[in-house]
Amino acid sequence: MQIQQLVNGGEPKEPDYRIEG
């Protein structure tokens, strides 16, 4: 599984990370 951090204009969204598998 790969964990990618989502960055929105420097502000973390909710959820701030998504898990793709």
PDB file of N, CA and C in Angstrom:
ATOM      1  N   MET A   1       0.849  -1.204   0.000  1.00  0.00           N
ATOM      2  CA  MET A   1       0.000   0.000   0.000  1.00  0.00           C
ATOM      3  C   MET A   1       0.883   1.253   0.000  1.00  0.00           C
ATOM      4  N   GLN A   2       0.390   2.264  -0.674  1.00  0.00           N
ATOM      5  CA  GLN A   2       1.132   3.514  -0.725  1.00  0.00           C
ATOM      6  C   GLN A   2       0.362   4.609  -0.002  1.00  0.00           C
ATOM      7  N   ILE A   3       1.071   5.346   0.834  1.00  0.00           N
ATOM      8  CA  ILE A   3       0.423   6.440   1.562  1.00  0.00           C
ATOM      9  C   ILE A   3       0.838   7.774   0.947  1.00  0.00           C
ATOM     10  N   GLN A   4      -0.130   8.514   0.437  1.00  0.00           N
ATOM     11  CA  GLN A   4       0.165   9.804  -0.170  1.00  0.00           C
ATOM     12  C   GLN A   4      -0.400  10.927   0.686  1.00  0.00           C
ATOM     13  N   GLN A   5       0.446  11.920   0.978  1.00  0.00           N
ATOM     14  CA  GLN A   5      -0.023  13.052   1.770  1.00  0.00           C
ATOM     15  C   GLN A   5      -0.595  14.102   0.825  1.00  0.00           C
ATOM     16  N   LEU A   6      -1.817  14.529   1.118  1.00  0.00           N
ATOM     17  CA  LEU A   6      -2.444  15.543   0.282  1.00  0.00           C
ATOM     18  C   LEU A   6      -2.158  16.923   0.856  1.00  0.00           C
ATOM     19  N   VAL A   7      -1.583  17.787   0.003  1.00  0.00           N
ATOM     20  CA  VAL A   7      -1.277  19.137   0.457  1.00  0.00           C
ATOM     21  C   VAL A   7      -2.137  20.123  -0.315  1.00  0.00           C
ATOM     22  N   ASN A   8      -2.950  20.883   0.405  1.00  0.00           N
ATOM     23  CA  ASN A   8      -3.827  21.853  -0.232  1.00  0.00           C
ATOM     24  C   ASN A   8      -3.401  23.260   0.160  1.00  0.00           C
ATOM     25  N   GLY A   9      -2.555  23.875  -0.682  1.00  0.00           N
ATOM     26  CA  GLY A   9      -2.098  25.231  -0.388  1.00  0.00           C
ATOM     27  C   GLY A   9      -1.297  25.282   0.898  1.00  0.00           C
ATOM     28  N   GLY A  10      -0.680  24.162   1.257  1.00  0.00           N
ATOM     29  CA  GLY A  10       0.119  24.116   2.473  1.00  0.00           C
ATOM     30  C   GLY A  10      -0.717  23.736   3.679  1.00  0.00           C
ATOM     31  N   GLU A  11      -2.055  23.690   3.497  1.00  0.00           N
ATOM     32  CA  GLU A  11      -2.914  23.302   4.617  1.00  0.00           C
ATOM     33  C   GLU A  11      -3.429  21.885   4.409  1.00  0.00           C
ATOM     34  N   PRO A  12      -3.230  21.012   5.389  1.00  0.00           N
ATOM     35  CA  PRO A  12      -3.684  19.627   5.304  1.00  0.00           C
ATOM     36  C   PRO A  12      -5.202  19.531   5.304  1.00  0.00           C
ATOM     37  N   LYS A  13      -5.722  18.670   4.433  1.00  0.00           N
ATOM     38  CA  LYS A  13      -7.173  18.496   4.376  1.00  0.00           C
ATOM     39  C   LYS A  13      -7.582  17.363   5.309  1.00  0.00           C
ATOM     40  N   GLU A  14      -8.877  17.124   5.412  1.00  0.00           N
ATOM     41  CA  GLU A  14      -9.349  16.041   6.272  1.00  0.00           C
ATOM     42  C   GLU A  14     -10.051  14.998   5.422  1.00  0.00           C
ATOM     43  N   PRO A  15      -9.510  13.781   5.309  1.00  0.00           N
ATOM     44  CA  PRO A  15      -8.270  13.383   5.965  1.00  0.00           C
ATOM     45  C   PRO A  15      -7.044  13.963   5.272  1.00  0.00           C
ATOM     46  N   ASP A  16      -5.950  14.173   6.001  1.00  0.00           N
ATOM     47  CA  ASP A  16      -4.748  14.765   5.429  1.00  0.00           C
ATOM     48  C   ASP A  16      -3.930  13.714   4.692  1.00  0.00           C
ATOM     49  N   TYR A  17      -4.351  12.454   4.770  1.00  0.00           N
ATOM     50  CA  TYR A  17      -3.637  11.411   4.049  1.00  0.00           C
ATOM     51  C   TYR A  17      -4.627  10.380   3.537  1.00  0.00           C
ATOM     52  N   ARG A  18      -4.287   9.798   2.395  1.00  0.00           N
ATOM     53  CA  ARG A  18      -5.158   8.779   1.820  1.00  0.00           C
ATOM     54  C   ARG A  18      -4.343   7.516   1.578  1.00  0.00           C
ATOM     55  N   ILE A  19      -4.973   6.362   1.792  1.00  0.00           N
ATOM     56  CA  ILE A  19      -4.272   5.094   1.612  1.00  0.00           C
ATOM     57  C   ILE A  19      -4.805   4.387   0.368  1.00  0.00           C
ATOM     58  N   GLU A  20      -3.893   4.118  -0.575  1.00  0.00           N
ATOM     59  CA  GLU A  20      -4.297   3.417  -1.787  1.00  0.00           C
ATOM     60  C   GLU A  20      -3.694   2.019  -1.765  1.00  0.00           C
ATOM     61  N   GLY A  21      -4.507   1.010  -2.024  1.00  0.00           N
ATOM     62  CA  GLY A  21      -3.986  -0.350  -1.988  1.00  0.00           C
ATOM     63  C   GLY A  21      -4.668  -1.209  -3.016  1.00  0.00           C
TER      64      GLY A  21
END
